[in-house]
Amino acid sequence: MSPTALLVPLVAQRIRRDRIQLVLWIVGTAALALMATAAVGSTFGDEAERESILRLTLLAPAILLFRGTPNGAGEGEFAVFLILAFLCLMAGLMNTFLAVRHTRADEEQGRAELVAATPAGRVLPTAATVVHGVLANVVLAVAVAAAFAASGLELAGSAVTGFAVGATGVAFLGLGLVAAQLFRTSRSANALSVALVIGAYVVRGIGDALGEASDDGLSRTAAWPSWLSPIGWAQRTEPFAANDLVPLVLSLGLAAACIGLVFVFQSARDSGASLLPGRAGRPSAGVLLSGPTGLAWRLSLGAIISWAIGAAVAGALATTLTPLVGRIGADAPAIAETLRQIGGPDASLEEAFTVTFFSMVGILAAAAALQAVIKARQEETHGTAEPVLATPVPRRWWLGGYGLVGGFAILVVLGFAAVGALLGALASDDPAASAENALKSALAQAPAALVYLGLALLVFVLLPRLTIAVAWALLAAGAFFGVFGELLGLPDWVHDLSPFSHAPLPVAGEVDWTGGFWMLGIAGAAIALAVAAMGRRELATDG
């Protein structure tokens, strides 16, 4: 058979295997793009207000860490400023996970060796992964461009935005494939890949913050660090302003170089081996690994630390940027109104500002809890849970350990956010009030995050094969409806479906915990039901 005839079924197998994950990633990214562009027209429709918002970045360049490079106050340029960097971040994560899943993870589970024993050999499966990833990014680019165009924005700028996101995804596909060659385990390869994506996002933000603003304050030329980041290259296209596709040559060139290296590495190493030697294990396990809960904690620790660091940054910004609140109320009433919609009609602007950041922290805490449950599912599918359950460890205890780790992960993430907020409050006009407001806001996110932990455990027990897809879909829907539902004019009943909309947030110095207690009861019942039902469930080792 010709290589092409062998390649087609391999690509088809990858498409079928990823049909749920990729649909969620692509639709979610496009929906975020559509939401941002719609918000520009409805919330920031006045050009004078958009100009005021952009000029605020001159006073606090740290805002650019979460946004992008300003290139004008037009609707298209402003939409790119709001969302392009985050769309590229999502594209990076989607592609690195895809790359590792179809290379290192398959080697880890023995699938790659079986395929290599067929006429496909060792090279064609990697080529199929590259083709699959490129096709996924083409669809992603089209979806993002369509989302921008659907909001009535200029077609050329919409297309450039889509190309920028797709090219960034291809660049990170190459980096993910290289990471899979370096490490012996998919967990290490994913950890490096995520670090590269987040690092690119942060380096781009530093370059934006250090850049030089124009005389009118409506645009900014990013400093040299942004040239070190594929996300920075995407921003250099300046959609709706310059519409310059030349910087994307760097993204495609990086992808080509990485893919070339991957084929070189692939031919030089044995199946299952890695370029970097694995760290030798300890001769005996510590006390922490003497039980299933300690093992669950050890397996989840890296992910928990990553979410906690992000929460600490968000917490610090929540109080560090508080001095800007007065200026926002005077110069950008649209933003002030947006903040009040999130924080509640009776909240002061300072409370609403803090609540907005801690709503993001609540999402991070829920994500950390979900990853603990997802780790249990991965242990089950990889076959490593079976040896543990072959010992006197009951299945309820095993799942309960992951549930306990998920609950502790929530506390760690919220705790890091609170510490960041306390440090940031030292520079505010009223440190005591800022710190108190931040601590109340952090604690308010715990019930909603625990609800997601309980729901994820239930899905794991009842629909194990859908655990990962459904868990992330529930969180994405809750974040979308709860945090942005009112801004987009969604019906109240849709907004109320999200646990985040019932968080006991501080308003006028008071906190109503009625909704919080209800959510704690729901979370406790869901967790207890899941743990009890686990005793009768058979292991589902197929992914």
Protein backbone atom coordinates (compact mmCIF):
# COMPACT_ATOMS: atom_id res chain seq x y z
CA MET A 1 0.00 0.00 0.00
CA SER A 2 1.11 3.56 -0.69
CA PRO A 3 1.95 5.88 2.23
CA THR A 4 -1.09 8.01 1.37
CA ALA A 5 -3.42 5.00 1.54
CA LEU A 6 -1.99 4.17 4.97
CA LEU A 7 -2.10 7.79 6.18
CA VAL A 8 -5.81 8.34 5.50
CA PRO A 9 -7.17 5.76 7.99
CA LEU A 10 -4.70 6.97 10.64
CA VAL A 11 -5.94 10.55 10.27
CA ALA A 12 -9.56 9.34 10.28
CA GLN A 13 -8.91 7.40 13.49
CA ARG A 14 -7.55 10.53 15.18
CA ILE A 15 -10.49 12.62 14.02
CA ARG A 16 -12.93 10.03 15.39
CA ARG A 17 -11.05 9.77 18.67
CA ASP A 18 -11.02 13.55 19.17
CA ARG A 19 -14.50 14.26 17.88
CA ILE A 20 -15.79 15.40 21.28
CA GLN A 21 -12.71 17.17 22.64
CA LEU A 22 -12.00 19.15 19.49
CA VAL A 23 -15.62 20.16 18.99
CA LEU A 24 -15.68 21.51 22.56
CA TRP A 25 -12.39 23.36 22.12
CA ILE A 26 -13.25 24.88 18.74
CA VAL A 27 -16.86 25.76 19.52
CA GLY A 28 -15.84 27.16 22.90
CA THR A 29 -13.10 29.32 21.38
CA ALA A 30 -15.40 30.59 18.63
CA ALA A 31 -18.15 31.30 21.17
CA LEU A 32 -15.70 33.33 23.25
CA ALA A 33 -14.75 35.31 20.14
CA LEU A 34 -18.41 35.92 19.32
CA MET A 35 -19.13 36.99 22.89
CA ALA A 36 -16.25 39.47 22.89
CA THR A 37 -17.20 41.02 19.57
CA ALA A 38 -20.85 41.25 20.62
CA ALA A 39 -19.79 42.96 23.87
CA VAL A 40 -17.93 45.63 21.91
CA GLY A 41 -21.09 46.60 20.08
CA SER A 42 -23.42 46.44 23.08
CA THR A 43 -21.23 47.52 26.02
CA PHE A 44 -18.51 49.60 24.35
CA GLY A 45 -20.48 51.02 21.45
CA ASP A 46 -19.37 54.61 22.01
CA GLU A 47 -15.98 55.31 20.40
CA ALA A 48 -15.19 58.01 22.97
CA GLU A 49 -15.57 55.45 25.76
CA ARG A 50 -13.35 52.97 23.93
CA GLU A 51 -10.71 55.69 23.62
CA SER A 52 -10.94 56.37 27.38
CA ILE A 53 -10.48 52.67 28.14
CA LEU A 54 -7.40 52.42 25.93
CA ARG A 55 -5.86 55.49 27.54
CA LEU A 56 -6.31 53.88 30.96
CA THR A 57 -3.62 51.37 29.94
CA LEU A 58 -1.13 54.24 30.06
CA LEU A 59 -1.78 54.52 33.81
CA ALA A 60 -1.76 50.78 34.50
CA PRO A 61 0.16 48.81 31.84
CA ALA A 62 -0.38 45.65 33.96
CA ILE A 63 -3.87 45.53 32.41
CA LEU A 64 -2.18 44.48 29.18
CA LEU A 65 -1.16 41.18 30.77
CA PHE A 66 -4.81 40.16 30.48
CA ARG A 67 -5.61 41.92 27.21
CA GLY A 68 -3.44 42.64 24.20
CA THR A 69 -1.72 45.32 22.19
CA PRO A 70 -4.01 48.35 21.53
CA ASN A 71 -4.13 49.28 17.84
CA GLY A 72 -6.97 51.79 17.72
CA ALA A 73 -10.47 52.45 19.03
CA GLY A 74 -12.47 51.03 16.12
CA GLU A 75 -14.84 48.17 16.94
CA GLY A 76 -12.65 45.58 15.24
CA GLU A 77 -9.38 46.83 16.72
CA PHE A 78 -10.96 47.04 20.18
CA ALA A 79 -12.33 43.49 19.93
CA VAL A 80 -8.84 42.24 19.05
CA PHE A 81 -7.44 44.16 22.03
CA LEU A 82 -9.96 42.46 24.33
CA ILE A 83 -9.73 38.86 23.21
CA LEU A 84 -7.04 37.90 20.64
CA ALA A 85 -4.34 36.98 23.17
CA PHE A 86 -6.75 34.74 25.10
CA LEU A 87 -7.97 33.06 21.89
CA CYS A 88 -4.34 32.27 21.06
CA LEU A 89 -3.86 30.91 24.58
CA MET A 90 -6.78 28.53 24.09
CA ALA A 91 -5.44 27.49 20.67
CA GLY A 92 -2.08 26.74 22.27
CA LEU A 93 -3.56 24.55 24.96
CA MET A 94 -5.79 22.70 22.48
CA ASN A 95 -2.84 21.88 20.24
CA THR A 96 -0.31 20.86 22.86
CA PHE A 97 -2.82 18.49 24.46
CA LEU A 98 -3.61 17.06 21.01
CA ALA A 99 0.07 16.56 20.20
CA VAL A 100 0.90 14.77 23.44
CA ARG A 101 -2.28 12.66 23.42
CA HIS A 102 -1.48 11.12 20.02
CA THR A 103 2.26 10.63 20.54
CA ARG A 104 3.71 10.24 24.03
CA ALA A 105 0.44 9.12 25.63
CA ASP A 106 0.00 6.44 22.94
CA GLU A 107 3.54 5.21 23.53
CA GLU A 108 2.93 5.17 27.26
CA GLN A 109 -0.16 2.99 26.84
CA GLY A 110 1.39 0.63 24.26
CA ARG A 111 -0.85 1.76 21.39
CA ALA A 112 2.00 3.24 19.33
CA GLU A 113 3.96 -0.03 19.41
CA LEU A 114 0.98 -1.96 18.06
CA VAL A 115 0.52 0.50 15.19
CA ALA A 116 4.27 0.49 14.47
CA ALA A 117 4.09 -3.29 14.00
CA THR A 118 1.80 -2.74 10.99
CA PRO A 119 2.94 -1.47 7.56
CA ALA A 120 2.40 2.07 8.89
CA GLY A 121 5.68 1.84 10.80
CA ARG A 122 6.78 4.50 13.27
CA VAL A 123 6.81 7.57 11.01
CA LEU A 124 3.33 7.60 9.48
CA PRO A 125 1.46 7.80 12.83
CA THR A 126 3.41 10.95 13.67
CA ALA A 127 2.70 12.35 10.21
CA ALA A 128 -0.99 11.56 10.74
CA THR A 129 -0.92 13.51 14.00
CA VAL A 130 0.61 16.50 12.20
CA VAL A 131 -2.05 16.37 9.46
CA HIS A 132 -4.80 15.96 12.05
CA GLY A 133 -3.51 18.95 14.04
CA VAL A 134 -3.20 21.18 10.98
CA LEU A 135 -6.74 20.31 9.87
CA ALA A 136 -8.03 21.10 13.39
CA ASN A 137 -6.35 24.51 13.24
CA VAL A 138 -7.81 25.26 9.82
CA VAL A 139 -11.28 24.60 11.25
CA LEU A 140 -10.43 26.71 14.31
CA ALA A 141 -9.26 29.61 12.12
CA VAL A 142 -12.44 29.50 10.05
CA ALA A 143 -14.62 29.33 13.18
CA VAL A 144 -12.90 32.35 14.79
CA ALA A 145 -13.06 34.37 11.57
CA ALA A 146 -16.75 33.51 11.19
CA ALA A 147 -17.42 34.60 14.78
CA PHE A 148 -15.84 38.01 14.15
CA ALA A 149 -17.61 38.43 10.82
CA ALA A 150 -20.96 37.39 12.32
CA SER A 151 -20.78 40.46 14.58
CA GLY A 152 -20.72 42.72 11.56
CA LEU A 153 -16.98 43.37 11.59
CA GLU A 154 -14.97 43.84 8.41
CA LEU A 155 -14.31 40.57 6.55
CA ALA A 156 -10.59 41.17 5.91
CA GLY A 157 -9.83 41.88 9.56
CA SER A 158 -11.93 38.91 10.64
CA ALA A 159 -9.98 36.64 8.29
CA VAL A 160 -6.62 37.92 9.57
CA THR A 161 -7.76 37.30 13.15
CA GLY A 162 -8.71 33.73 12.26
CA PHE A 163 -5.38 33.17 10.48
CA ALA A 164 -3.50 34.54 13.50
CA VAL A 165 -5.23 32.16 15.91
CA GLY A 166 -4.82 29.16 13.58
CA ALA A 167 -1.14 29.85 12.90
CA THR A 168 -0.49 30.22 16.63
CA GLY A 169 -2.16 26.85 17.17
CA VAL A 170 0.09 25.22 14.53
CA ALA A 171 3.18 26.69 16.23
CA PHE A 172 2.17 25.18 19.57
CA LEU A 173 1.33 21.90 17.85
CA GLY A 174 5.00 21.70 16.85
CA LEU A 175 6.17 22.62 20.36
CA GLY A 176 3.86 19.98 21.87
CA LEU A 177 5.26 17.32 19.55
CA VAL A 178 8.82 18.22 20.62
CA ALA A 179 7.83 18.07 24.31
CA ALA A 180 6.42 14.58 23.71
CA GLN A 181 9.83 13.48 22.40
CA LEU A 182 11.72 14.87 25.39
CA PHE A 183 9.94 13.15 28.29
CA ARG A 184 9.08 9.56 29.10
CA THR A 185 5.59 10.31 30.47
CA SER A 186 2.66 12.21 29.03
CA ARG A 187 2.24 14.01 32.35
CA SER A 188 5.73 15.56 32.07
CA ALA A 189 5.22 16.37 28.39
CA ASN A 190 1.89 18.07 29.13
CA ALA A 191 3.43 19.97 32.03
CA LEU A 192 6.18 21.37 29.79
CA SER A 193 3.68 22.15 27.03
CA VAL A 194 1.35 24.06 29.34
CA ALA A 195 4.34 25.93 30.79
CA LEU A 196 5.37 26.95 27.26
CA VAL A 197 1.85 28.18 26.43
CA ILE A 198 1.45 30.14 29.65
CA GLY A 199 5.02 31.42 29.38
CA ALA A 200 4.32 32.68 25.86
CA TYR A 201 1.21 34.45 27.14
CA VAL A 202 3.10 36.10 30.01
CA VAL A 203 6.11 37.08 27.88
CA ARG A 204 3.72 38.65 25.37
CA GLY A 205 2.06 40.55 28.21
CA ILE A 206 5.41 41.82 29.48
CA GLY A 207 6.30 42.98 25.99
CA ASP A 208 2.98 44.81 25.71
CA ALA A 209 3.37 46.44 29.12
CA LEU A 210 6.92 47.61 28.35
CA GLY A 211 5.98 48.89 24.90
CA GLU A 212 5.80 52.48 23.74
CA ALA A 213 2.39 54.15 23.51
CA SER A 214 1.42 56.49 20.70
CA ASP A 215 0.94 60.19 21.38
CA ASP A 216 -2.85 59.84 21.43
CA GLY A 217 -2.69 56.80 23.75
CA LEU A 218 -4.83 54.67 21.41
CA SER A 219 -2.13 52.29 20.20
CA ARG A 220 1.08 50.79 21.50
CA THR A 221 4.18 49.31 19.92
CA ALA A 222 5.11 46.22 21.91
CA ALA A 223 8.65 45.92 23.26
CA TRP A 224 11.14 43.25 22.13
CA PRO A 225 9.96 40.48 24.55
CA SER A 226 6.79 40.05 22.48
CA TRP A 227 8.97 38.85 19.59
CA LEU A 228 9.85 35.82 21.74
CA SER A 229 6.23 34.63 21.84
CA PRO A 230 4.03 33.05 19.15
CA ILE A 231 1.13 34.93 20.75
CA GLY A 232 3.10 38.15 20.30
CA TRP A 233 3.57 37.27 16.62
CA ALA A 234 -0.20 36.87 16.26
CA GLN A 235 -0.73 40.33 17.75
CA ARG A 236 1.83 41.83 15.35
CA THR A 237 -0.59 41.11 12.49
CA GLU A 238 -2.72 44.02 13.85
CA PRO A 239 -6.08 42.78 12.54
CA PHE A 240 -8.47 45.52 11.35
CA ALA A 241 -5.57 48.00 11.43
CA ALA A 242 -2.56 46.85 9.38
CA ASN A 243 -3.88 43.36 8.49
CA ASP A 244 -0.25 42.23 8.12
CA LEU A 245 0.12 38.45 7.69
CA VAL A 246 3.94 38.53 7.49
CA PRO A 247 4.55 37.89 11.24
CA LEU A 248 2.69 34.59 10.90
CA VAL A 249 5.62 33.32 8.81
CA LEU A 250 7.44 33.04 12.14
CA SER A 251 4.68 30.84 13.57
CA LEU A 252 4.63 28.55 10.55
CA GLY A 253 8.43 28.49 10.45
CA LEU A 254 8.62 27.49 14.11
CA ALA A 255 6.09 24.73 13.48
CA ALA A 256 8.03 23.44 10.47
CA ALA A 257 11.32 23.45 12.41
CA CYS A 258 9.78 21.63 15.37
CA ILE A 259 8.09 19.02 13.18
CA GLY A 260 11.37 18.42 11.33
CA LEU A 261 13.15 17.89 14.65
CA VAL A 262 10.43 15.49 15.75
CA PHE A 263 11.01 13.21 12.76
CA VAL A 264 14.76 13.31 13.41
CA PHE A 265 14.23 12.42 17.08
CA GLN A 266 11.70 9.75 16.16
CA SER A 267 14.25 7.93 14.01
CA ALA A 268 16.95 8.10 16.69
CA ARG A 269 15.16 6.66 19.71
CA ASP A 270 13.39 3.45 20.64
CA SER A 271 9.63 3.30 21.05
CA GLY A 272 8.74 4.26 24.60
CA ALA A 273 12.12 5.88 25.23
CA SER A 274 12.71 9.61 25.57
CA LEU A 275 15.50 12.03 24.78
CA LEU A 276 15.77 13.06 28.41
CA PRO A 277 16.32 10.21 30.86
CA GLY A 278 13.59 9.59 33.38
CA ARG A 279 14.39 10.39 36.98
CA ALA A 280 15.21 7.34 39.03
CA GLY A 281 12.59 6.52 41.61
CA ARG A 282 13.26 6.40 45.33
CA PRO A 283 14.07 2.95 46.75
CA SER A 284 11.12 3.23 49.12
CA ALA A 285 8.00 5.38 49.17
CA GLY A 286 7.48 8.08 51.76
CA VAL A 287 4.68 8.24 54.28
CA LEU A 288 2.59 10.32 51.89
CA LEU A 289 2.37 7.45 49.39
CA SER A 290 1.30 4.89 51.95
CA GLY A 291 -2.39 5.33 51.08
CA PRO A 292 -4.63 6.14 48.09
CA THR A 293 -5.29 9.73 49.17
CA GLY A 294 -1.58 10.52 49.37
CA LEU A 295 -1.08 9.01 45.93
CA ALA A 296 -3.95 11.08 44.53
CA TRP A 297 -2.41 14.21 46.05
CA ARG A 298 1.02 13.42 44.60
CA LEU A 299 -0.41 12.85 41.12
CA SER A 300 -2.44 16.08 41.21
CA LEU A 301 0.13 18.35 42.85
CA GLY A 302 1.62 19.84 39.67
CA ALA A 303 -1.75 20.86 38.26
CA ILE A 304 -2.88 22.32 41.59
CA ILE A 305 0.25 24.46 41.84
CA SER A 306 -0.30 25.79 38.30
CA TRP A 307 -3.89 26.87 39.04
CA ALA A 308 -2.82 28.32 42.39
CA ILE A 309 -0.13 30.51 40.81
CA GLY A 310 -2.68 31.90 38.35
CA ALA A 311 -5.07 32.59 41.23
CA ALA A 312 -2.34 34.39 43.18
CA VAL A 313 -1.73 36.72 40.23
CA ALA A 314 -5.47 37.41 39.87
CA GLY A 315 -5.79 38.07 43.60
CA ALA A 316 -2.86 40.48 43.57
CA LEU A 317 -4.28 42.40 40.62
CA ALA A 318 -7.70 42.60 42.32
CA THR A 319 -6.29 44.83 45.03
CA THR A 320 -3.26 46.35 43.27
CA LEU A 321 -5.43 47.95 40.59
CA THR A 322 -8.05 49.25 43.04
CA PRO A 323 -6.65 52.83 42.88
CA LEU A 324 -7.82 52.90 39.25
CA VAL A 325 -11.45 52.47 40.26
CA GLY A 326 -12.13 56.17 40.64
CA ARG A 327 -10.64 56.93 37.26
CA ILE A 328 -12.67 54.14 35.65
CA GLY A 329 -15.90 55.52 37.08
CA ALA A 330 -15.16 58.97 35.70
CA ASP A 331 -13.60 58.15 32.32
CA ALA A 332 -15.18 54.83 31.38
CA PRO A 333 -18.76 54.60 32.67
CA ALA A 334 -19.41 51.60 30.40
CA ILE A 335 -16.78 49.58 32.28
CA ALA A 336 -18.14 50.81 35.60
CA GLU A 337 -21.63 49.63 34.64
CA THR A 338 -20.21 46.28 33.49
CA LEU A 339 -18.46 45.81 36.82
CA ARG A 340 -21.65 46.60 38.74
CA GLN A 341 -23.59 44.04 36.71
CA ILE A 342 -21.09 41.36 37.73
CA GLY A 343 -20.81 42.47 41.36
CA GLY A 344 -24.50 43.27 41.88
CA PRO A 345 -26.54 46.48 41.59
CA ASP A 346 -25.99 47.42 45.24
CA ALA A 347 -22.23 46.84 45.26
CA SER A 348 -19.83 49.75 45.37
CA LEU A 349 -17.48 50.10 42.41
CA GLU A 350 -14.54 48.94 44.58
CA GLU A 351 -16.46 45.82 45.67
CA ALA A 352 -17.55 45.10 42.10
CA PHE A 353 -13.96 45.47 40.88
CA THR A 354 -12.68 42.95 43.44
CA VAL A 355 -15.60 40.57 42.85
CA THR A 356 -14.88 40.58 39.10
CA PHE A 357 -11.34 39.30 39.63
CA PHE A 358 -12.41 36.76 42.24
CA SER A 359 -15.08 35.41 39.91
CA MET A 360 -12.13 34.38 37.73
CA VAL A 361 -10.46 32.90 40.81
CA GLY A 362 -13.58 30.81 41.48
CA ILE A 363 -13.35 29.39 37.96
CA LEU A 364 -9.66 28.53 38.55
CA ALA A 365 -10.55 26.81 41.84
CA ALA A 366 -13.26 24.75 40.16
CA ALA A 367 -10.84 23.82 37.37
CA ALA A 368 -8.28 22.60 39.91
CA ALA A 369 -10.96 20.41 41.53
CA LEU A 370 -12.02 19.02 38.14
CA GLN A 371 -8.45 18.07 37.34
CA ALA A 372 -8.29 15.92 40.46
CA VAL A 373 -11.33 13.97 39.23
CA ILE A 374 -9.94 13.84 35.70
CA LYS A 375 -6.72 12.41 37.12
CA ALA A 376 -8.78 9.58 38.64
CA ARG A 377 -10.26 8.91 35.21
CA GLN A 378 -6.80 8.93 33.61
CA GLU A 379 -5.52 6.48 36.21
CA GLU A 380 -8.49 4.24 35.38
CA THR A 381 -7.99 4.35 31.60
CA HIS A 382 -4.21 3.92 31.84
CA GLY A 383 -4.69 0.76 33.90
CA THR A 384 -2.78 2.09 36.91
CA ALA A 385 -5.87 2.26 39.12
CA GLU A 386 -6.41 -1.50 38.84
CA PRO A 387 -3.22 -2.51 40.74
CA VAL A 388 -4.18 -0.07 43.53
CA LEU A 389 -7.71 -1.53 43.75
CA ALA A 390 -6.28 -5.05 43.72
CA THR A 391 -4.99 -4.32 47.24
CA PRO A 392 -7.34 -4.04 50.25
CA VAL A 393 -8.22 -0.45 49.16
CA PRO A 394 -12.03 -0.23 48.67
CA ARG A 395 -13.24 1.57 45.57
CA ARG A 396 -15.14 4.09 47.69
CA TRP A 397 -11.96 5.02 49.56
CA TRP A 398 -10.05 5.31 46.32
CA LEU A 399 -12.55 7.73 44.75
CA GLY A 400 -13.06 9.49 48.08
CA GLY A 401 -9.33 10.21 48.13
CA TYR A 402 -9.54 12.03 44.82
CA GLY A 403 -12.61 13.89 46.05
CA LEU A 404 -10.71 14.95 49.16
CA VAL A 405 -7.79 16.13 47.04
CA GLY A 406 -10.21 18.08 44.84
CA GLY A 407 -11.67 19.81 47.90
CA PHE A 408 -8.22 20.61 49.21
CA ALA A 409 -7.22 21.93 45.78
CA ILE A 410 -10.07 24.46 46.02
CA LEU A 411 -8.78 25.66 49.37
CA VAL A 412 -5.21 25.93 48.06
CA VAL A 413 -6.23 27.96 45.01
CA LEU A 414 -8.45 30.29 47.03
CA GLY A 415 -5.75 30.58 49.69
CA PHE A 416 -3.11 31.59 47.12
CA ALA A 417 -5.53 34.16 45.70
CA ALA A 418 -6.16 35.56 49.17
CA VAL A 419 -2.43 35.84 49.88
CA GLY A 420 -1.89 37.63 46.57
CA ALA A 421 -4.74 39.99 47.37
CA LEU A 422 -3.36 40.73 50.84
CA LEU A 423 0.04 41.61 49.40
CA GLY A 424 -1.58 43.81 46.76
CA ALA A 425 -3.73 45.54 49.37
CA LEU A 426 -0.63 46.96 51.05
CA ALA A 427 -0.37 49.52 48.22
CA SER A 428 -4.06 50.53 48.27
CA ASP A 429 -5.50 53.66 49.89
CA ASP A 430 -7.32 51.60 52.56
CA PRO A 431 -5.38 48.33 53.04
CA ALA A 432 -7.68 46.97 55.76
CA ALA A 433 -10.88 47.46 53.75
CA SER A 434 -9.32 46.09 50.55
CA ALA A 435 -7.99 43.02 52.36
CA GLU A 436 -11.32 42.32 54.08
CA ASN A 437 -13.24 42.63 50.82
CA ALA A 438 -10.79 40.31 49.06
CA LEU A 439 -10.94 37.65 51.78
CA LYS A 440 -14.75 37.64 51.74
CA SER A 441 -14.72 37.39 47.94
CA ALA A 442 -12.28 34.47 48.04
CA LEU A 443 -14.34 32.53 50.58
CA ALA A 444 -17.51 33.18 48.56
CA GLN A 445 -16.16 31.14 45.64
CA ALA A 446 -15.74 27.90 47.63
CA PRO A 447 -19.40 26.67 47.48
CA ALA A 448 -19.64 27.02 43.68
CA ALA A 449 -16.30 25.27 43.15
CA LEU A 450 -17.43 22.42 45.43
CA VAL A 451 -20.61 22.01 43.37
CA TYR A 452 -18.47 21.40 40.29
CA LEU A 453 -16.39 18.88 42.22
CA GLY A 454 -19.55 16.98 43.20
CA LEU A 455 -20.94 17.06 39.65
CA ALA A 456 -17.64 15.83 38.20
CA LEU A 457 -17.52 12.92 40.65
CA LEU A 458 -21.10 11.96 39.71
CA VAL A 459 -20.26 12.03 36.01
CA PHE A 460 -17.17 9.92 36.68
CA VAL A 461 -19.27 7.26 38.39
CA LEU A 462 -22.31 7.30 36.09
CA LEU A 463 -20.77 8.19 32.70
CA PRO A 464 -17.04 7.45 33.09
CA ARG A 465 -16.18 7.66 29.39
CA LEU A 466 -17.57 11.21 29.20
CA THR A 467 -15.90 12.46 32.38
CA ILE A 468 -13.35 14.80 30.81
CA ALA A 469 -15.60 16.27 28.13
CA VAL A 470 -18.66 16.75 30.34
CA ALA A 471 -16.68 18.12 33.31
CA TRP A 472 -15.03 20.86 31.24
CA ALA A 473 -18.27 21.58 29.36
CA LEU A 474 -20.15 22.08 32.63
CA LEU A 475 -17.50 24.46 33.93
CA ALA A 476 -17.34 26.40 30.66
CA ALA A 477 -21.14 26.76 30.58
CA GLY A 478 -21.27 27.80 34.23
CA ALA A 479 -18.53 30.38 33.75
CA PHE A 480 -20.18 31.74 30.62
CA PHE A 481 -23.71 31.98 32.03
CA GLY A 482 -22.72 33.00 35.54
CA VAL A 483 -20.08 35.61 34.88
CA PHE A 484 -21.18 36.97 31.50
CA GLY A 485 -24.89 36.06 31.34
CA GLU A 486 -26.20 39.41 32.56
CA LEU A 487 -23.78 41.33 30.37
CA LEU A 488 -25.14 39.58 27.28
CA GLY A 489 -28.78 40.08 28.28
CA LEU A 490 -29.53 36.39 28.79
CA PRO A 491 -32.75 35.52 30.66
CA ASP A 492 -32.46 35.44 34.45
CA TRP A 493 -33.29 31.73 34.60
CA VAL A 494 -30.33 30.96 32.32
CA HIS A 495 -28.04 33.12 34.43
CA ASP A 496 -29.30 31.38 37.59
CA LEU A 497 -28.35 27.94 36.24
CA SER A 498 -24.73 28.72 37.04
CA PRO A 499 -23.46 28.08 40.59
CA PHE A 500 -21.25 31.15 40.23
CA SER A 501 -24.33 33.38 40.06
CA HIS A 502 -25.27 32.30 43.61
CA ALA A 503 -21.89 32.91 45.24
CA PRO A 504 -22.30 34.80 48.56
CA LEU A 505 -20.46 37.92 47.45
CA PRO A 506 -19.89 40.96 49.69
CA VAL A 507 -22.31 43.79 48.89
CA ALA A 508 -22.24 47.06 50.84
CA GLY A 509 -20.11 45.33 53.46
CA GLU A 510 -22.68 42.54 54.02
CA VAL A 511 -22.65 38.91 52.87
CA ASP A 512 -25.77 36.78 52.36
CA TRP A 513 -24.76 33.12 52.65
CA THR A 514 -28.21 31.68 51.82
CA GLY A 515 -27.19 30.62 48.33
CA GLY A 516 -23.81 29.48 49.62
CA PHE A 517 -25.34 27.12 52.19
CA TRP A 518 -27.65 25.64 49.56
CA MET A 519 -24.69 25.01 47.28
CA LEU A 520 -22.70 23.43 50.10
CA GLY A 521 -25.61 21.06 50.73
CA ILE A 522 -25.89 20.19 47.04
CA ALA A 523 -22.15 19.63 46.76
CA GLY A 524 -22.08 17.43 49.87
CA ALA A 525 -24.98 15.32 48.60
CA ALA A 526 -23.42 14.90 45.16
CA ILE A 527 -20.04 13.90 46.59
CA ALA A 528 -21.61 11.42 49.03
CA LEU A 529 -23.80 9.89 46.31
CA ALA A 530 -20.85 9.51 43.94
CA VAL A 531 -18.62 7.87 46.55
CA ALA A 532 -21.41 5.50 47.61
CA ALA A 533 -22.24 4.53 44.01
CA MET A 534 -18.58 3.86 43.23
CA GLY A 535 -18.75 0.68 45.30
CA ARG A 536 -20.95 -0.97 42.64
CA ARG A 537 -19.31 0.38 39.48
CA GLU A 538 -17.04 -1.76 37.32
CA LEU A 539 -13.79 -0.29 36.07
CA ALA A 540 -14.09 1.30 32.62
CA THR A 541 -10.55 1.12 31.27
CA ASP A 542 -11.35 2.03 27.65
CA GLY A 543 -11.08 5.76 26.92
